[in-house]
């Protein structure tokens, strides 16, 4: 893997001090491309080599939904009977 080569489309963000905190300033063009707005919540997932992935997709929530869907499918008749 070539560590020196960046994707030509990659944007560079700098960690900046904002009051007593630090943060990343996201350009409007990036927000528009990612369909993000002020107030959206991003989930950070660690990646190899000091990287991270910030996504509005919550992997824990998705796993919980998958388990619930399987339970509803496996016990559909039981749930129908309980709903009567």
PDB file of N, CA and C in Angstrom:
ATOM      1  N   UNK A   1       0.850  -1.175   0.000  1.00  0.00           N
ATOM      2  CA  UNK A   1       0.000   0.000   0.000  1.00  0.00           C
ATOM      3  C   UNK A   1       0.889   1.230   0.000  1.00  0.00           C
ATOM      4  N   UNK A   2       0.615   2.163  -0.856  1.00  0.00           N
ATOM      5  CA  UNK A   2       1.438   3.362  -0.961  1.00  0.00           C
ATOM      6  C   UNK A   2       0.903   4.420  -0.008  1.00  0.00           C
ATOM      7  N   UNK A   3       1.606   4.632   1.119  1.00  0.00           N
ATOM      8  CA  UNK A   3       1.166   5.616   2.105  1.00  0.00           C
ATOM      9  C   UNK A   3       1.322   7.034   1.591  1.00  0.00           C
ATOM     10  N   UNK A   4       2.215   7.248   0.630  1.00  0.00           N
ATOM     11  CA  UNK A   4       2.487   8.594   0.145  1.00  0.00           C
ATOM     12  C   UNK A   4       1.462   9.083  -0.865  1.00  0.00           C
ATOM     13  N   UNK A   5       0.633   8.187  -1.371  1.00  0.00           N
ATOM     14  CA  UNK A   5      -0.289   8.547  -2.431  1.00  0.00           C
ATOM     15  C   UNK A   5      -1.673   8.773  -1.841  1.00  0.00           C
ATOM     16  N   UNK A   6      -2.223   9.964  -2.073  1.00  0.00           N
ATOM     17  CA  UNK A   6      -3.580  10.273  -1.648  1.00  0.00           C
ATOM     18  C   UNK A   6      -4.511  10.168  -2.838  1.00  0.00           C
ATOM     19  N   UNK A   7      -5.726   9.790  -2.574  1.00  0.00           N
ATOM     20  CA  UNK A   7      -6.748   9.773  -3.609  1.00  0.00           C
ATOM     21  C   UNK A   7      -6.861  11.189  -4.174  1.00  0.00           C
ATOM     22  N   UNK A   8      -6.911  11.321  -5.473  1.00  0.00           N
ATOM     23  CA  UNK A   8      -6.971  12.636  -6.113  1.00  0.00           C
ATOM     24  C   UNK A   8      -8.210  13.416  -5.679  1.00  0.00           C
ATOM     25  N   UNK A   9      -9.285  12.712  -5.308  1.00  0.00           N
ATOM     26  CA  UNK A   9     -10.515  13.364  -4.884  1.00  0.00           C
ATOM     27  C   UNK A   9     -10.560  13.633  -3.383  1.00  0.00           C
ATOM     28  N   UNK A  10      -9.533  13.224  -2.649  1.00  0.00           N
ATOM     29  CA  UNK A  10      -9.530  13.373  -1.196  1.00  0.00           C
ATOM     30  C   UNK A  10      -9.477  14.837  -0.801  1.00  0.00           C
ATOM     31  N   UNK A  11     -10.220  15.166   0.246  1.00  0.00           N
ATOM     32  CA  UNK A  11     -10.168  16.506   0.805  1.00  0.00           C
ATOM     33  C   UNK A  11      -9.325  16.452   2.057  1.00  0.00           C
ATOM     34  N   UNK A  12      -8.610  17.514   2.318  1.00  0.00           N
ATOM     35  CA  UNK A  12      -7.774  17.589   3.501  1.00  0.00           C
ATOM     36  C   UNK A  12      -8.487  18.466   4.524  1.00  0.00           C
ATOM     37  N   UNK A  13      -8.677  17.933   5.719  1.00  0.00           N
ATOM     38  CA  UNK A  13      -9.287  18.675   6.807  1.00  0.00           C
ATOM     39  C   UNK A  13      -8.245  18.839   7.898  1.00  0.00           C
ATOM     40  N   UNK A  14      -8.270  19.964   8.556  1.00  0.00           N
ATOM     41  CA  UNK A  14      -7.317  20.227   9.630  1.00  0.00           C
ATOM     42  C   UNK A  14      -8.070  20.305  10.953  1.00  0.00           C
ATOM     43  N   UNK A  15      -7.504  19.689  11.982  1.00  0.00           N
ATOM     44  CA  UNK A  15      -8.077  19.782  13.321  1.00  0.00           C
ATOM     45  C   UNK A  15      -7.786  21.184  13.829  1.00  0.00           C
ATOM     46  N   UNK A  16      -8.847  21.887  14.259  1.00  0.00           N
ATOM     47  CA  UNK A  16      -8.695  23.283  14.686  1.00  0.00           C
ATOM     48  C   UNK A  16      -9.268  23.467  16.080  1.00  0.00           C
ATOM     49  N   UNK A  17      -8.708  24.431  16.788  1.00  0.00           N
ATOM     50  CA  UNK A  17      -9.221  24.793  18.103  1.00  0.00           C
ATOM     51  C   UNK A  17     -10.456  25.662  17.898  1.00  0.00           C
ATOM     52  N   UNK A  18     -11.544  25.301  18.586  1.00  0.00           N
ATOM     53  CA  UNK A  18     -12.793  26.040  18.500  1.00  0.00           C
ATOM     54  C   UNK A  18     -13.232  26.290  19.949  1.00  0.00           C
ATOM     55  N   UNK A  19     -12.967  27.470  20.455  1.00  0.00           N
ATOM     56  CA  UNK A  19     -13.241  27.762  21.862  1.00  0.00           C
ATOM     57  C   UNK A  19     -12.369  26.883  22.735  1.00  0.00           C
ATOM     58  N   UNK A  20     -12.982  26.154  23.671  1.00  0.00           N
ATOM     59  CA  UNK A  20     -12.237  25.247  24.542  1.00  0.00           C
ATOM     60  C   UNK A  20     -12.198  23.827  23.982  1.00  0.00           C
ATOM     61  N   UNK A  21     -12.697  23.648  22.779  1.00  0.00           N
ATOM     62  CA  UNK A  21     -12.755  22.328  22.155  1.00  0.00           C
ATOM     63  C   UNK A  21     -11.902  22.313  20.896  1.00  0.00           C
ATOM     64  N   UNK A  22     -11.884  21.173  20.232  1.00  0.00           N
ATOM     65  CA  UNK A  22     -11.249  21.063  18.920  1.00  0.00           C
ATOM     66  C   UNK A  22     -12.265  20.446  17.976  1.00  0.00           C
ATOM     67  N   UNK A  23     -12.108  20.694  16.694  1.00  0.00           N
ATOM     68  CA  UNK A  23     -13.055  20.141  15.744  1.00  0.00           C
ATOM     69  C   UNK A  23     -12.535  20.195  14.331  1.00  0.00           C
ATOM     70  N   UNK A  24     -13.300  19.633  13.450  1.00  0.00           N
ATOM     71  CA  UNK A  24     -13.023  19.664  12.027  1.00  0.00           C
ATOM     72  C   UNK A  24     -14.070  20.551  11.372  1.00  0.00           C
ATOM     73  N   UNK A  25     -13.630  21.447  10.518  1.00  0.00           N
ATOM     74  CA  UNK A  25     -14.549  22.278   9.759  1.00  0.00           C
ATOM     75  C   UNK A  25     -14.800  21.570   8.431  1.00  0.00           C
ATOM     76  N   UNK A  26     -16.055  21.258   8.166  1.00  0.00           N
ATOM     77  CA  UNK A  26     -16.398  20.566   6.925  1.00  0.00           C
ATOM     78  C   UNK A  26     -16.891  21.590   5.915  1.00  0.00           C
ATOM     79  N   UNK A  27     -16.255  21.641   4.751  1.00  0.00           N
ATOM     80  CA  UNK A  27     -16.691  22.593   3.727  1.00  0.00           C
ATOM     81  C   UNK A  27     -18.117  22.292   3.264  1.00  0.00           C
ATOM     82  N   UNK A  28     -18.828  23.335   2.845  1.00  0.00           N
ATOM     83  CA  UNK A  28     -20.203  23.173   2.375  1.00  0.00           C
ATOM     84  C   UNK A  28     -20.295  22.155   1.244  1.00  0.00           C
ATOM     85  N   UNK A  29     -19.305  22.148   0.365  1.00  0.00           N
ATOM     86  CA  UNK A  29     -19.333  21.206  -0.761  1.00  0.00           C
ATOM     87  C   UNK A  29     -19.306  19.757  -0.273  1.00  0.00           C
ATOM     88  N   UNK A  30     -18.536  19.492   0.768  1.00  0.00           N
ATOM     89  CA  UNK A  30     -18.468  18.139   1.332  1.00  0.00           C
ATOM     90  C   UNK A  30     -19.788  17.786   2.010  1.00  0.00           C
ATOM     91  N   UNK A  31     -20.348  18.726   2.780  1.00  0.00           N
ATOM     92  CA  UNK A  31     -21.641  18.484   3.418  1.00  0.00           C
ATOM     93  C   UNK A  31     -22.712  18.172   2.377  1.00  0.00           C
ATOM     94  N   UNK A  32     -22.702  18.923   1.288  1.00  0.00           N
ATOM     95  CA  UNK A  32     -23.691  18.702   0.231  1.00  0.00           C
ATOM     96  C   UNK A  32     -23.515  17.325  -0.407  1.00  0.00           C
ATOM     97  N   UNK A  33     -22.272  16.954  -0.719  1.00  0.00           N
ATOM     98  CA  UNK A  33     -22.018  15.648  -1.342  1.00  0.00           C
ATOM     99  C   UNK A  33     -22.444  14.500  -0.438  1.00  0.00           C
ATOM    100  N   UNK A  34     -22.213  14.663   0.858  1.00  0.00           N
ATOM    101  CA  UNK A  34     -22.532  13.598   1.803  1.00  0.00           C
ATOM    102  C   UNK A  34     -23.955  13.700   2.345  1.00  0.00           C
ATOM    103  N   UNK A  35     -24.689  14.739   1.888  1.00  0.00           N
ATOM    104  CA  UNK A  35     -26.059  15.000   2.339  1.00  0.00           C
ATOM    105  C   UNK A  35     -26.140  15.089   3.858  1.00  0.00           C
ATOM    106  N   UNK A  36     -25.218  15.867   4.425  1.00  0.00           N
ATOM    107  CA  UNK A  36     -25.190  16.100   5.869  1.00  0.00           C
ATOM    108  C   UNK A  36     -25.620  17.526   6.158  1.00  0.00           C
ATOM    109  N   UNK A  37     -26.188  17.726   7.329  1.00  0.00           N
ATOM    110  CA  UNK A  37     -26.621  19.050   7.748  1.00  0.00           C
ATOM    111  C   UNK A  37     -26.162  19.306   9.176  1.00  0.00           C
ATOM    112  N   UNK A  38     -26.149  20.574   9.568  1.00  0.00           N
ATOM    113  CA  UNK A  38     -25.824  20.942  10.937  1.00  0.00           C
ATOM    114  C   UNK A  38     -26.776  20.204  11.872  1.00  0.00           C
ATOM    115  N   UNK A  39     -26.232  19.573  12.885  1.00  0.00           N
ATOM    116  CA  UNK A  39     -27.041  18.823  13.850  1.00  0.00           C
ATOM    117  C   UNK A  39     -27.092  17.334  13.586  1.00  0.00           C
ATOM    118  N   UNK A  40     -26.683  16.882  12.389  1.00  0.00           N
ATOM    119  CA  UNK A  40     -26.641  15.450  12.118  1.00  0.00           C
ATOM    120  C   UNK A  40     -25.630  14.782  13.041  1.00  0.00           C
ATOM    121  N   UNK A  41     -25.894  13.542  13.379  1.00  0.00           N
ATOM    122  CA  UNK A  41     -25.002  12.767  14.236  1.00  0.00           C
ATOM    123  C   UNK A  41     -24.209  11.812  13.367  1.00  0.00           C
ATOM    124  N   UNK A  42     -22.898  11.759  13.593  1.00  0.00           N
ATOM    125  CA  UNK A  42     -22.030  10.831  12.881  1.00  0.00           C
ATOM    126  C   UNK A  42     -21.455   9.835  13.882  1.00  0.00           C
ATOM    127  N   UNK A  43     -21.352   8.600  13.468  1.00  0.00           N
ATOM    128  CA  UNK A  43     -20.752   7.550  14.289  1.00  0.00           C
ATOM    129  C   UNK A  43     -19.341   7.315  13.772  1.00  0.00           C
ATOM    130  N   UNK A  44     -18.384   7.292  14.680  1.00  0.00           N
ATOM    131  CA  UNK A  44     -16.982   7.135  14.299  1.00  0.00           C
ATOM    132  C   UNK A  44     -16.565   5.691  14.543  1.00  0.00           C
ATOM    133  N   UNK A  45     -16.017   5.083  13.503  1.00  0.00           N
ATOM    134  CA  UNK A  45     -15.542   3.706  13.561  1.00  0.00           C
ATOM    135  C   UNK A  45     -14.048   3.729  13.284  1.00  0.00           C
ATOM    136  N   UNK A  46     -13.261   3.175  14.215  1.00  0.00           N
ATOM    137  CA  UNK A  46     -11.807   3.124  14.024  1.00  0.00           C
ATOM    138  C   UNK A  46     -11.454   2.264  12.819  1.00  0.00           C
ATOM    139  N   UNK A  47     -10.445   2.693  12.097  1.00  0.00           N
ATOM    140  CA  UNK A  47      -9.938   1.974  10.937  1.00  0.00           C
ATOM    141  C   UNK A  47      -8.445   1.713  11.158  1.00  0.00           C
ATOM    142  N   UNK A  48      -7.845   0.836  10.390  1.00  0.00           N
ATOM    143  CA  UNK A  48      -6.410   0.560  10.537  1.00  0.00           C
ATOM    144  C   UNK A  48      -5.564   1.808  10.272  1.00  0.00           C
ATOM    145  N   UNK A  49      -4.387   1.790  10.800  1.00  0.00           N
ATOM    146  CA  UNK A  49      -3.368   2.818  10.555  1.00  0.00           C
ATOM    147  C   UNK A  49      -3.836   4.220  10.918  1.00  0.00           C
ATOM    148  N   UNK A  50      -4.363   4.398  12.137  1.00  0.00           N
ATOM    149  CA  UNK A  50      -4.780   5.687  12.677  1.00  0.00           C
ATOM    150  C   UNK A  50      -5.900   6.339  11.885  1.00  0.00           C
ATOM    151  N   UNK A  51      -6.650   5.567  11.143  1.00  0.00           N
ATOM    152  CA  UNK A  51      -7.745   6.110  10.357  1.00  0.00           C
ATOM    153  C   UNK A  51      -9.070   5.962  11.087  1.00  0.00           C
ATOM    154  N   UNK A  52     -10.076   6.616  10.550  1.00  0.00           N
ATOM    155  CA  UNK A  52     -11.420   6.448  11.078  1.00  0.00           C
ATOM    156  C   UNK A  52     -12.430   6.667   9.962  1.00  0.00           C
ATOM    157  N   UNK A  53     -13.623   6.160  10.207  1.00  0.00           N
ATOM    158  CA  UNK A  53     -14.729   6.332   9.280  1.00  0.00           C
ATOM    159  C   UNK A  53     -15.835   7.025  10.064  1.00  0.00           C
ATOM    160  N   UNK A  54     -16.299   8.151   9.573  1.00  0.00           N
ATOM    161  CA  UNK A  54     -17.411   8.868  10.197  1.00  0.00           C
ATOM    162  C   UNK A  54     -18.626   8.690   9.311  1.00  0.00           C
ATOM    163  N   UNK A  55     -19.675   8.146   9.870  1.00  0.00           N
ATOM    164  CA  UNK A  55     -20.836   7.799   9.067  1.00  0.00           C
ATOM    165  C   UNK A  55     -22.129   8.045   9.839  1.00  0.00           C
ATOM    166  N   UNK A  56     -23.192   8.456   9.150  1.00  0.00           N
ATOM    167  CA  UNK A  56     -24.477   8.565   9.833  1.00  0.00           C
ATOM    168  C   UNK A  56     -25.081   7.188  10.122  1.00  0.00           C
ATOM    169  N   UNK A  57     -24.507   6.154   9.540  1.00  0.00           N
ATOM    170  CA  UNK A  57     -24.948   4.769   9.725  1.00  0.00           C
ATOM    171  C   UNK A  57     -24.431   4.270  11.072  1.00  0.00           C
ATOM    172  N   UNK A  58     -25.314   3.809  11.939  1.00  0.00           N
ATOM    173  CA  UNK A  58     -24.948   3.294  13.252  1.00  0.00           C
ATOM    174  C   UNK A  58     -24.896   1.768  13.185  1.00  0.00           C
ATOM    175  N   UNK A  59     -23.683   1.176  13.174  1.00  0.00           N
ATOM    176  CA  UNK A  59     -23.586  -0.281  13.030  1.00  0.00           C
ATOM    177  C   UNK A  59     -24.254  -1.043  14.178  1.00  0.00           C
ATOM    178  N   UNK A  60     -24.233  -0.510  15.403  1.00  0.00           N
ATOM    179  CA  UNK A  60     -24.884  -1.201  16.528  1.00  0.00           C
ATOM    180  C   UNK A  60     -26.395  -1.219  16.333  1.00  0.00           C
ATOM    181  N   UNK A  61     -26.937  -0.099  15.889  1.00  0.00           N
ATOM    182  CA  UNK A  61     -28.381  -0.017  15.646  1.00  0.00           C
ATOM    183  C   UNK A  61     -28.775  -0.972  14.518  1.00  0.00           C
ATOM    184  N   UNK A  62     -27.967  -1.020  13.478  1.00  0.00           N
ATOM    185  CA  UNK A  62     -28.256  -1.909  12.348  1.00  0.00           C
ATOM    186  C   UNK A  62     -28.247  -3.374  12.784  1.00  0.00           C
ATOM    187  N   UNK A  63     -27.281  -3.755  13.631  1.00  0.00           N
ATOM    188  CA  UNK A  63     -27.236  -5.137  14.130  1.00  0.00           C
ATOM    189  C   UNK A  63     -28.478  -5.445  14.965  1.00  0.00           C
ATOM    190  N   UNK A  64     -28.882  -4.489  15.814  1.00  0.00           N
ATOM    191  CA  UNK A  64     -30.065  -4.695  16.647  1.00  0.00           C
ATOM    192  C   UNK A  64     -31.310  -4.853  15.777  1.00  0.00           C
ATOM    193  N   UNK A  65     -31.430  -4.041  14.732  1.00  0.00           N
ATOM    194  CA  UNK A  65     -32.571  -4.171  13.819  1.00  0.00           C
ATOM    195  C   UNK A  65     -32.566  -5.516  13.105  1.00  0.00           C
ATOM    196  N   UNK A  66     -31.394  -5.983  12.712  1.00  0.00           N
ATOM    197  CA  UNK A  66     -31.296  -7.276  12.031  1.00  0.00           C
ATOM    198  C   UNK A  66     -31.755  -8.402  12.958  1.00  0.00           C
ATOM    199  N   UNK A  67     -31.368  -8.330  14.225  1.00  0.00           N
ATOM    200  CA  UNK A  67     -31.793  -9.345  15.202  1.00  0.00           C
ATOM    201  C   UNK A  67     -33.300  -9.283  15.378  1.00  0.00           C
ATOM    202  N   UNK A  68     -33.855  -8.075  15.494  1.00  0.00           N
ATOM    203  CA  UNK A  68     -35.302  -7.925  15.666  1.00  0.00           C
ATOM    204  C   UNK A  68     -36.053  -8.443  14.446  1.00  0.00           C
ATOM    205  N   UNK A  69     -35.562  -8.125  13.249  1.00  0.00           N
ATOM    206  CA  UNK A  69     -36.232  -8.607  12.028  1.00  0.00           C
ATOM    207  C   UNK A  69     -36.249 -10.128  11.976  1.00  0.00           C
ATOM    208  N   UNK A  70     -35.121 -10.748  12.360  1.00  0.00           N
ATOM    209  CA  UNK A  70     -35.047 -12.206  12.357  1.00  0.00           C
ATOM    210  C   UNK A  70     -36.040 -12.789  13.366  1.00  0.00           C
ATOM    211  N   UNK A  71     -36.112 -12.178  14.548  1.00  0.00           N
ATOM    212  CA  UNK A  71     -37.047 -12.665  15.572  1.00  0.00           C
ATOM    213  C   UNK A  71     -38.488 -12.534  15.082  1.00  0.00           C
ATOM    214  N   UNK A  72     -38.824 -11.393  14.462  1.00  0.00           N
ATOM    215  CA  UNK A  72     -40.189 -11.216  13.945  1.00  0.00           C
ATOM    216  C   UNK A  72     -40.491 -12.234  12.847  1.00  0.00           C
ATOM    217  N   UNK A  73     -39.494 -12.533  12.024  1.00  0.00           N
ATOM    218  CA  UNK A  73     -39.706 -13.508  10.952  1.00  0.00           C
ATOM    219  C   UNK A  73     -39.869 -14.914  11.534  1.00  0.00           C
ATOM    220  N   UNK A  74     -38.954 -15.274  12.458  1.00  0.00           N
ATOM    221  CA  UNK A  74     -38.975 -16.624  13.036  1.00  0.00           C
ATOM    222  C   UNK A  74     -40.232 -16.881  13.869  1.00  0.00           C
ATOM    223  N   UNK A  75     -40.743 -15.832  14.508  1.00  0.00           N
ATOM    224  CA  UNK A  75     -41.886 -15.992  15.411  1.00  0.00           C
ATOM    225  C   UNK A  75     -43.103 -15.204  14.922  1.00  0.00           C
ATOM    226  N   UNK A  76     -43.241 -15.070  13.602  1.00  0.00           N
ATOM    227  CA  UNK A  76     -44.332 -14.280  13.017  1.00  0.00           C
ATOM    228  C   UNK A  76     -45.694 -14.773  13.488  1.00  0.00           C
ATOM    229  N   UNK A  77     -45.884 -16.087  13.499  1.00  0.00           N
ATOM    230  CA  UNK A  77     -47.179 -16.639  13.910  1.00  0.00           C
ATOM    231  C   UNK A  77     -47.456 -16.320  15.370  1.00  0.00           C
ATOM    232  N   UNK A  78     -46.472 -16.442  16.213  1.00  0.00           N
ATOM    233  CA  UNK A  78     -46.632 -16.127  17.639  1.00  0.00           C
ATOM    234  C   UNK A  78     -47.003 -14.654  17.820  1.00  0.00           C
ATOM    235  N   UNK A  79     -46.329 -13.760  17.098  1.00  0.00           N
ATOM    236  CA  UNK A  79     -46.633 -12.337  17.207  1.00  0.00           C
ATOM    237  C   UNK A  79     -48.054 -12.036  16.700  1.00  0.00           C
ATOM    238  N   UNK A  80     -48.468 -12.711  15.632  1.00  0.00           N
ATOM    239  CA  UNK A  80     -49.843 -12.535  15.134  1.00  0.00           C
ATOM    240  C   UNK A  80     -50.853 -12.967  16.192  1.00  0.00           C
ATOM    241  N   UNK A  81     -50.584 -14.091  16.847  1.00  0.00           N
ATOM    242  CA  UNK A  81     -51.494 -14.569  17.891  1.00  0.00           C
ATOM    243  C   UNK A  81     -51.520 -13.595  19.070  1.00  0.00           C
ATOM    244  N   UNK A  82     -50.393 -13.059  19.415  1.00  0.00           N
ATOM    245  CA  UNK A  82     -50.329 -12.117  20.544  1.00  0.00           C
ATOM    246  C   UNK A  82     -51.049 -10.808  20.221  1.00  0.00           C
ATOM    247  N   UNK A  83     -51.090 -10.450  18.962  1.00  0.00           N
ATOM    248  CA  UNK A  83     -51.709  -9.187  18.549  1.00  0.00           C
ATOM    249  C   UNK A  83     -53.237  -9.272  18.547  1.00  0.00           C
ATOM    250  N   UNK A  84     -53.797 -10.463  18.657  1.00  0.00           N
ATOM    251  CA  UNK A  84     -55.256 -10.634  18.625  1.00  0.00           C
ATOM    252  C   UNK A  84     -55.889 -10.118  19.895  1.00  0.00           C
TER     253      UNK A  84
END
